[in-house]
């Protein structure tokens, strides 16, 4: 009888028993996931020369942090695949590099841009955090995402400019907030780091005498926007 009782107690606290009887424990071991949406439209300088490659750097950092990356690049960034992967893979962090509109994050299918996320499917962002390097969406889609219960949103409420002669500087400034998020910083801290990096790169360009590029850098900084929970994190 005593042996039977001991066996029951051992079974009660076995790993298999805990994970089977108390499935919430599995969330302690759940691997964080990020979906990277990054079109590369043929003939489009912004995606071919800047955003696709800038996103690659962020993706590589995520991998070093043991974050699962769902990489939807080029024609894999279609609305259908974005919708399916967010629904099925359930990533905490939605990261987007491409063109944007006031109410649209653009994707790509058959080498043409198509709306990947807009107000018709913004509910996909519920419970998630979002960071986009693109034009305009923080002025419309961002607030709609927060209303749809996205936890936090980083983006731009005007055009996002890049000077192709100074890609390194614009890449570094545009990526800084996402690097911060992947390092575990909150959205509030990530925004601050991004703002400060834009300021640093603006000063560097002024020192180089690259006045036009510096003006574009300053414009990006001044239209960089954070929405939602200051303390939200990407994972």
C-alpha atoms as a PDB file:
ATOM      1  CA  UNK A   1       0.000   0.000   0.000  1.00  0.00           C
ATOM      2  CA  UNK A   2       2.807   2.358   0.887  1.00  0.00           C
ATOM      3  CA  UNK A   3       4.570   1.690  -2.406  1.00  0.00           C
ATOM      4  CA  UNK A   4       1.380   2.494  -4.305  1.00  0.00           C
ATOM      5  CA  UNK A   5       1.022   5.853  -2.544  1.00  0.00           C
ATOM      6  CA  UNK A   6       4.637   6.775  -3.260  1.00  0.00           C
ATOM      7  CA  UNK A   7       4.163   5.926  -6.933  1.00  0.00           C
ATOM      8  CA  UNK A   8       1.136   8.187  -7.116  1.00  0.00           C
ATOM      9  CA  UNK A   9       2.996  11.097  -5.564  1.00  0.00           C
ATOM     10  CA  UNK A  10       5.931  10.653  -7.929  1.00  0.00           C
ATOM     11  CA  UNK A  11       3.556  10.553 -10.877  1.00  0.00           C
ATOM     12  CA  UNK A  12       1.755  13.661  -9.663  1.00  0.00           C
ATOM     13  CA  UNK A  13       4.947  15.725  -9.828  1.00  0.00           C
ATOM     14  CA  UNK A  14       6.510  14.162 -12.926  1.00  0.00           C
ATOM     15  CA  UNK A  15       7.213  16.571 -15.789  1.00  0.00           C
ATOM     16  CA  UNK A  16       4.883  14.633 -18.074  1.00  0.00           C
ATOM     17  CA  UNK A  17       2.066  14.818 -15.542  1.00  0.00           C
ATOM     18  CA  UNK A  18       2.489  18.547 -14.934  1.00  0.00           C
ATOM     19  CA  UNK A  19       2.546  19.384 -18.652  1.00  0.00           C
ATOM     20  CA  UNK A  20      -0.453  17.130 -19.313  1.00  0.00           C
ATOM     21  CA  UNK A  21      -2.630  18.103 -16.367  1.00  0.00           C
ATOM     22  CA  UNK A  22      -1.562  21.744 -16.189  1.00  0.00           C
ATOM     23  CA  UNK A  23      -1.057  22.885 -19.826  1.00  0.00           C
ATOM     24  CA  UNK A  24      -0.527  26.503 -18.757  1.00  0.00           C
ATOM     25  CA  UNK A  25       2.976  25.435 -17.711  1.00  0.00           C
ATOM     26  CA  UNK A  26       3.815  25.043 -21.377  1.00  0.00           C
ATOM     27  CA  UNK A  27       3.746  28.817 -21.791  1.00  0.00           C
ATOM     28  CA  UNK A  28       6.797  29.042 -19.547  1.00  0.00           C
ATOM     29  CA  UNK A  29       8.722  27.151 -22.210  1.00  0.00           C
ATOM     30  CA  UNK A  30       7.065  28.647 -25.285  1.00  0.00           C
ATOM     31  CA  UNK A  31       9.557  30.033 -27.791  1.00  0.00           C
ATOM     32  CA  UNK A  32       8.932  33.660 -28.697  1.00  0.00           C
ATOM     33  CA  UNK A  33       8.106  34.340 -32.343  1.00  0.00           C
ATOM     34  CA  UNK A  34       8.451  37.293 -34.668  1.00  0.00           C
ATOM     35  CA  UNK A  35       6.935  37.620 -38.129  1.00  0.00           C
ATOM     36  CA  UNK A  36       9.050  39.661 -40.535  1.00  0.00           C
ATOM     37  CA  UNK A  37       7.110  41.134 -43.481  1.00  0.00           C
ATOM     38  CA  UNK A  38       9.557  42.521 -46.061  1.00  0.00           C
ATOM     39  CA  UNK A  39       8.601  42.859 -49.727  1.00  0.00           C
ATOM     40  CA  UNK A  40      11.234  43.372 -52.392  1.00  0.00           C
ATOM     41  CA  UNK A  41       9.431  44.744 -55.413  1.00  0.00           C
ATOM     42  CA  UNK A  42      11.489  44.645 -58.638  1.00  0.00           C
ATOM     43  CA  UNK A  43      12.465  48.132 -59.772  1.00  0.00           C
ATOM     44  CA  UNK A  44      11.519  49.725 -56.457  1.00  0.00           C
ATOM     45  CA  UNK A  45      14.547  51.455 -54.923  1.00  0.00           C
ATOM     46  CA  UNK A  46      13.132  51.684 -51.388  1.00  0.00           C
ATOM     47  CA  UNK A  47      12.576  47.936 -51.015  1.00  0.00           C
ATOM     48  CA  UNK A  48      15.407  46.692 -53.243  1.00  0.00           C
ATOM     49  CA  UNK A  49      18.147  48.940 -51.895  1.00  0.00           C
ATOM     50  CA  UNK A  50      17.016  49.743 -48.359  1.00  0.00           C
ATOM     51  CA  UNK A  51      14.164  48.060 -46.524  1.00  0.00           C
ATOM     52  CA  UNK A  52      14.682  44.403 -47.482  1.00  0.00           C
ATOM     53  CA  UNK A  53      18.329  44.468 -46.425  1.00  0.00           C
ATOM     54  CA  UNK A  54      17.659  46.558 -43.311  1.00  0.00           C
ATOM     55  CA  UNK A  55      15.108  43.961 -42.237  1.00  0.00           C
ATOM     56  CA  UNK A  56      17.691  41.208 -42.749  1.00  0.00           C
ATOM     57  CA  UNK A  57      19.836  42.744 -40.018  1.00  0.00           C
ATOM     58  CA  UNK A  58      16.907  42.759 -37.597  1.00  0.00           C
ATOM     59  CA  UNK A  59      16.020  39.180 -38.510  1.00  0.00           C
ATOM     60  CA  UNK A  60      19.600  38.056 -37.869  1.00  0.00           C
ATOM     61  CA  UNK A  61      19.605  39.657 -34.437  1.00  0.00           C
ATOM     62  CA  UNK A  62      16.326  37.914 -33.577  1.00  0.00           C
ATOM     63  CA  UNK A  63      17.882  34.572 -34.475  1.00  0.00           C
ATOM     64  CA  UNK A  64      20.827  35.238 -32.152  1.00  0.00           C
ATOM     65  CA  UNK A  65      18.275  35.893 -29.376  1.00  0.00           C
ATOM     66  CA  UNK A  66      16.669  32.488 -30.020  1.00  0.00           C
ATOM     67  CA  UNK A  67      13.472  34.092 -31.253  1.00  0.00           C
ATOM     68  CA  UNK A  68      11.612  32.095 -33.875  1.00  0.00           C
ATOM     69  CA  UNK A  69      11.470  34.139 -37.094  1.00  0.00           C
ATOM     70  CA  UNK A  70       8.740  33.714 -39.689  1.00  0.00           C
ATOM     71  CA  UNK A  71      10.406  35.425 -42.644  1.00  0.00           C
ATOM     72  CA  UNK A  72       7.950  36.552 -45.323  1.00  0.00           C
ATOM     73  CA  UNK A  73      10.179  38.185 -47.912  1.00  0.00           C
ATOM     74  CA  UNK A  74       9.410  39.211 -51.466  1.00  0.00           C
ATOM     75  CA  UNK A  75       6.342  37.468 -52.871  1.00  0.00           C
ATOM     76  CA  UNK A  76       5.983  35.483 -49.653  1.00  0.00           C
ATOM     77  CA  UNK A  77       4.707  38.730 -48.099  1.00  0.00           C
ATOM     78  CA  UNK A  78       1.280  38.349 -49.707  1.00  0.00           C
ATOM     79  CA  UNK A  79      -1.879  39.200 -47.798  1.00  0.00           C
ATOM     80  CA  UNK A  80      -2.879  35.537 -47.805  1.00  0.00           C
ATOM     81  CA  UNK A  81       0.423  34.345 -46.338  1.00  0.00           C
ATOM     82  CA  UNK A  82       0.624  37.166 -43.814  1.00  0.00           C
ATOM     83  CA  UNK A  83      -2.885  36.371 -42.615  1.00  0.00           C
ATOM     84  CA  UNK A  84      -2.260  32.613 -42.460  1.00  0.00           C
ATOM     85  CA  UNK A  85       1.067  32.903 -40.641  1.00  0.00           C
ATOM     86  CA  UNK A  86      -0.168  35.362 -38.029  1.00  0.00           C
ATOM     87  CA  UNK A  87      -3.254  33.220 -37.411  1.00  0.00           C
ATOM     88  CA  UNK A  88      -1.452  29.877 -37.297  1.00  0.00           C
ATOM     89  CA  UNK A  89       1.962  30.735 -35.854  1.00  0.00           C
ATOM     90  CA  UNK A  90       0.687  33.282 -33.325  1.00  0.00           C
ATOM     91  CA  UNK A  91       3.780  35.561 -33.208  1.00  0.00           C
ATOM     92  CA  UNK A  92       4.014  38.100 -30.418  1.00  0.00           C
ATOM     93  CA  UNK A  93       5.947  40.589 -32.567  1.00  0.00           C
ATOM     94  CA  UNK A  94       4.879  41.797 -36.019  1.00  0.00           C
ATOM     95  CA  UNK A  95       7.768  43.567 -37.773  1.00  0.00           C
ATOM     96  CA  UNK A  96       7.239  45.231 -41.164  1.00  0.00           C
ATOM     97  CA  UNK A  97       9.672  46.879 -43.601  1.00  0.00           C
ATOM     98  CA  UNK A  98       8.155  48.274 -46.791  1.00  0.00           C
ATOM     99  CA  UNK A  99       5.917  51.020 -48.084  1.00  0.00           C
ATOM    100  CA  UNK A 100       2.958  52.062 -45.991  1.00  0.00           C
ATOM    101  CA  UNK A 101      -0.155  54.147 -46.326  1.00  0.00           C
ATOM    102  CA  UNK A 102      -2.209  55.914 -43.701  1.00  0.00           C
ATOM    103  CA  UNK A 103      -4.344  52.798 -43.226  1.00  0.00           C
ATOM    104  CA  UNK A 104      -2.151  50.159 -44.888  1.00  0.00           C
ATOM    105  CA  UNK A 105       0.980  48.093 -44.423  1.00  0.00           C
ATOM    106  CA  UNK A 106       1.899  46.902 -47.896  1.00  0.00           C
ATOM    107  CA  UNK A 107       2.906  43.371 -48.797  1.00  0.00           C
ATOM    108  CA  UNK A 108       3.689  41.764 -52.140  1.00  0.00           C
ATOM    109  CA  UNK A 109       2.308  39.140 -54.504  1.00  0.00           C
ATOM    110  CA  UNK A 110       3.382  38.371 -58.085  1.00  0.00           C
ATOM    111  CA  UNK A 111       5.986  41.175 -57.873  1.00  0.00           C
ATOM    112  CA  UNK A 112       3.316  43.771 -57.188  1.00  0.00           C
ATOM    113  CA  UNK A 113       2.483  45.481 -53.925  1.00  0.00           C
ATOM    114  CA  UNK A 114      -0.769  44.514 -52.237  1.00  0.00           C
ATOM    115  CA  UNK A 115      -2.221  45.420 -48.860  1.00  0.00           C
ATOM    116  CA  UNK A 116      -0.964  42.917 -46.298  1.00  0.00           C
ATOM    117  CA  UNK A 117      -2.611  44.526 -43.267  1.00  0.00           C
ATOM    118  CA  UNK A 118      -5.237  47.256 -43.353  1.00  0.00           C
ATOM    119  CA  UNK A 119      -8.377  48.248 -41.481  1.00  0.00           C
ATOM    120  CA  UNK A 120     -10.243  45.218 -42.853  1.00  0.00           C
ATOM    121  CA  UNK A 121      -7.944  42.729 -41.119  1.00  0.00           C
ATOM    122  CA  UNK A 122      -6.385  44.876 -38.379  1.00  0.00           C
ATOM    123  CA  UNK A 123      -7.876  42.466 -35.814  1.00  0.00           C
ATOM    124  CA  UNK A 124      -4.941  40.186 -36.692  1.00  0.00           C
ATOM    125  CA  UNK A 125      -2.840  42.482 -34.499  1.00  0.00           C
ATOM    126  CA  UNK A 126      -4.916  41.924 -31.358  1.00  0.00           C
ATOM    127  CA  UNK A 127      -2.686  41.100 -28.411  1.00  0.00           C
ATOM    128  CA  UNK A 128       0.507  41.681 -30.411  1.00  0.00           C
ATOM    129  CA  UNK A 129       3.135  44.379 -30.676  1.00  0.00           C
ATOM    130  CA  UNK A 130       3.957  45.992 -34.016  1.00  0.00           C
ATOM    131  CA  UNK A 131       6.929  47.885 -35.398  1.00  0.00           C
ATOM    132  CA  UNK A 132       7.014  49.156 -38.959  1.00  0.00           C
ATOM    133  CA  UNK A 133       9.615  51.053 -40.953  1.00  0.00           C
ATOM    134  CA  UNK A 134       7.339  52.552 -43.579  1.00  0.00           C
ATOM    135  CA  UNK A 135       5.410  55.699 -44.411  1.00  0.00           C
ATOM    136  CA  UNK A 136       2.315  57.113 -42.786  1.00  0.00           C
ATOM    137  CA  UNK A 137       0.665  54.187 -40.973  1.00  0.00           C
ATOM    138  CA  UNK A 138       1.152  55.517 -37.434  1.00  0.00           C
ATOM    139  CA  UNK A 139      -1.330  58.236 -38.313  1.00  0.00           C
ATOM    140  CA  UNK A 140      -4.183  55.853 -39.128  1.00  0.00           C
ATOM    141  CA  UNK A 141      -3.571  52.127 -38.988  1.00  0.00           C
ATOM    142  CA  UNK A 142      -1.576  52.455 -35.771  1.00  0.00           C
ATOM    143  CA  UNK A 143      -4.446  54.009 -33.799  1.00  0.00           C
ATOM    144  CA  UNK A 144      -6.821  51.470 -35.389  1.00  0.00           C
ATOM    145  CA  UNK A 145      -4.517  48.651 -34.259  1.00  0.00           C
ATOM    146  CA  UNK A 146      -4.453  49.980 -30.697  1.00  0.00           C
ATOM    147  CA  UNK A 147      -8.257  50.237 -30.799  1.00  0.00           C
ATOM    148  CA  UNK A 148      -8.296  46.600 -31.930  1.00  0.00           C
ATOM    149  CA  UNK A 149      -6.258  45.754 -28.801  1.00  0.00           C
ATOM    150  CA  UNK A 150      -2.748  45.615 -30.231  1.00  0.00           C
ATOM    151  CA  UNK A 151      -0.489  46.197 -27.239  1.00  0.00           C
ATOM    152  CA  UNK A 152       1.925  48.709 -28.795  1.00  0.00           C
ATOM    153  CA  UNK A 153       2.866  50.204 -32.167  1.00  0.00           C
ATOM    154  CA  UNK A 154       5.964  51.934 -33.532  1.00  0.00           C
ATOM    155  CA  UNK A 155       5.873  53.642 -36.910  1.00  0.00           C
ATOM    156  CA  UNK A 156       5.792  56.944 -38.760  1.00  0.00           C
ATOM    157  CA  UNK A 157       2.921  59.365 -39.256  1.00  0.00           C
ATOM    158  CA  UNK A 158       4.414  60.960 -42.397  1.00  0.00           C
ATOM    159  CA  UNK A 159       6.687  59.838 -45.227  1.00  0.00           C
ATOM    160  CA  UNK A 160       9.739  57.806 -44.244  1.00  0.00           C
ATOM    161  CA  UNK A 161      12.679  59.063 -46.278  1.00  0.00           C
ATOM    162  CA  UNK A 162      15.948  57.370 -47.178  1.00  0.00           C
ATOM    163  CA  UNK A 163      18.914  58.912 -48.988  1.00  0.00           C
ATOM    164  CA  UNK A 164      20.533  56.213 -51.125  1.00  0.00           C
ATOM    165  CA  UNK A 165      23.999  57.808 -50.824  1.00  0.00           C
ATOM    166  CA  UNK A 166      23.862  57.344 -47.052  1.00  0.00           C
ATOM    167  CA  UNK A 167      22.198  53.963 -46.657  1.00  0.00           C
ATOM    168  CA  UNK A 168      24.345  52.928 -43.697  1.00  0.00           C
ATOM    169  CA  UNK A 169      23.282  55.957 -41.682  1.00  0.00           C
ATOM    170  CA  UNK A 170      19.591  55.587 -42.514  1.00  0.00           C
ATOM    171  CA  UNK A 171      19.669  51.843 -41.880  1.00  0.00           C
ATOM    172  CA  UNK A 172      21.299  52.302 -38.492  1.00  0.00           C
ATOM    173  CA  UNK A 173      18.788  54.956 -37.440  1.00  0.00           C
ATOM    174  CA  UNK A 174      15.745  53.074 -38.742  1.00  0.00           C
ATOM    175  CA  UNK A 175      16.788  49.800 -37.095  1.00  0.00           C
ATOM    176  CA  UNK A 176      17.752  51.097 -33.658  1.00  0.00           C
ATOM    177  CA  UNK A 177      14.289  50.799 -32.085  1.00  0.00           C
ATOM    178  CA  UNK A 178      13.907  47.243 -33.341  1.00  0.00           C
ATOM    179  CA  UNK A 179      17.341  46.325 -32.021  1.00  0.00           C
ATOM    180  CA  UNK A 180      16.231  47.699 -28.657  1.00  0.00           C
ATOM    181  CA  UNK A 181      13.055  45.602 -28.697  1.00  0.00           C
ATOM    182  CA  UNK A 182      15.041  42.457 -29.506  1.00  0.00           C
ATOM    183  CA  UNK A 183      17.353  43.254 -26.589  1.00  0.00           C
ATOM    184  CA  UNK A 184      14.324  43.203 -24.286  1.00  0.00           C
ATOM    185  CA  UNK A 185      13.664  46.929 -23.928  1.00  0.00           C
ATOM    186  CA  UNK A 186      10.130  48.260 -23.580  1.00  0.00           C
ATOM    187  CA  UNK A 187       8.439  50.138 -26.401  1.00  0.00           C
ATOM    188  CA  UNK A 188       8.971  53.337 -24.464  1.00  0.00           C
ATOM    189  CA  UNK A 189      12.714  52.774 -24.188  1.00  0.00           C
ATOM    190  CA  UNK A 190      12.936  51.521 -27.778  1.00  0.00           C
ATOM    191  CA  UNK A 191      11.271  54.715 -29.006  1.00  0.00           C
ATOM    192  CA  UNK A 192      13.731  56.808 -26.996  1.00  0.00           C
ATOM    193  CA  UNK A 193      16.688  54.871 -28.386  1.00  0.00           C
ATOM    194  CA  UNK A 194      15.383  55.242 -31.927  1.00  0.00           C
ATOM    195  CA  UNK A 195      14.829  58.978 -31.495  1.00  0.00           C
ATOM    196  CA  UNK A 196      18.322  59.440 -30.087  1.00  0.00           C
ATOM    197  CA  UNK A 197      19.914  57.409 -32.893  1.00  0.00           C
ATOM    198  CA  UNK A 198      18.156  59.574 -35.495  1.00  0.00           C
ATOM    199  CA  UNK A 199      19.523  62.642 -33.716  1.00  0.00           C
ATOM    200  CA  UNK A 200      23.033  61.195 -33.679  1.00  0.00           C
ATOM    201  CA  UNK A 201      22.925  60.343 -37.389  1.00  0.00           C
ATOM    202  CA  UNK A 202      21.463  63.751 -38.241  1.00  0.00           C
ATOM    203  CA  UNK A 203      24.419  65.373 -36.473  1.00  0.00           C
ATOM    204  CA  UNK A 204      26.839  63.092 -38.322  1.00  0.00           C
ATOM    205  CA  UNK A 205      25.355  64.091 -41.675  1.00  0.00           C
ATOM    206  CA  UNK A 206      25.474  67.784 -40.786  1.00  0.00           C
ATOM    207  CA  UNK A 207      29.160  67.368 -39.920  1.00  0.00           C
ATOM    208  CA  UNK A 208      29.718  65.760 -43.327  1.00  0.00           C
ATOM    209  CA  UNK A 209      28.064  68.714 -45.053  1.00  0.00           C
ATOM    210  CA  UNK A 210      25.280  66.432 -46.346  1.00  0.00           C
ATOM    211  CA  UNK A 211      22.569  68.978 -45.641  1.00  0.00           C
ATOM    212  CA  UNK A 212      19.804  67.420 -47.752  1.00  0.00           C
ATOM    213  CA  UNK A 213      20.340  63.953 -46.293  1.00  0.00           C
ATOM    214  CA  UNK A 214      20.475  65.496 -42.817  1.00  0.00           C
ATOM    215  CA  UNK A 215      17.122  67.195 -43.399  1.00  0.00           C
ATOM    216  CA  UNK A 216      15.585  63.849 -44.413  1.00  0.00           C
ATOM    217  CA  UNK A 217      17.023  62.186 -41.305  1.00  0.00           C
ATOM    218  CA  UNK A 218      15.570  64.908 -39.096  1.00  0.00           C
ATOM    219  CA  UNK A 219      12.193  64.547 -40.825  1.00  0.00           C
ATOM    220  CA  UNK A 220      12.158  60.802 -40.077  1.00  0.00           C
ATOM    221  CA  UNK A 221      13.037  61.443 -36.445  1.00  0.00           C
ATOM    222  CA  UNK A 222      10.317  64.029 -35.989  1.00  0.00           C
ATOM    223  CA  UNK A 223       7.645  61.741 -37.460  1.00  0.00           C
ATOM    224  CA  UNK A 224       8.639  58.630 -35.534  1.00  0.00           C
ATOM    225  CA  UNK A 225       5.686  57.681 -33.334  1.00  0.00           C
ATOM    226  CA  UNK A 226       4.994  55.362 -30.415  1.00  0.00           C
ATOM    227  CA  UNK A 227       1.437  54.252 -29.599  1.00  0.00           C
ATOM    228  CA  UNK A 228      -0.015  52.022 -26.903  1.00  0.00           C
ATOM    229  CA  UNK A 229       1.591  50.599 -23.775  1.00  0.00           C
ATOM    230  CA  UNK A 230       4.915  52.218 -22.843  1.00  0.00           C
ATOM    231  CA  UNK A 231       5.921  49.073 -20.964  1.00  0.00           C
ATOM    232  CA  UNK A 232       5.003  46.523 -23.646  1.00  0.00           C
ATOM    233  CA  UNK A 233       7.850  44.312 -24.841  1.00  0.00           C
ATOM    234  CA  UNK A 234       8.363  42.273 -27.997  1.00  0.00           C
ATOM    235  CA  UNK A 235       8.739  38.949 -26.150  1.00  0.00           C
END
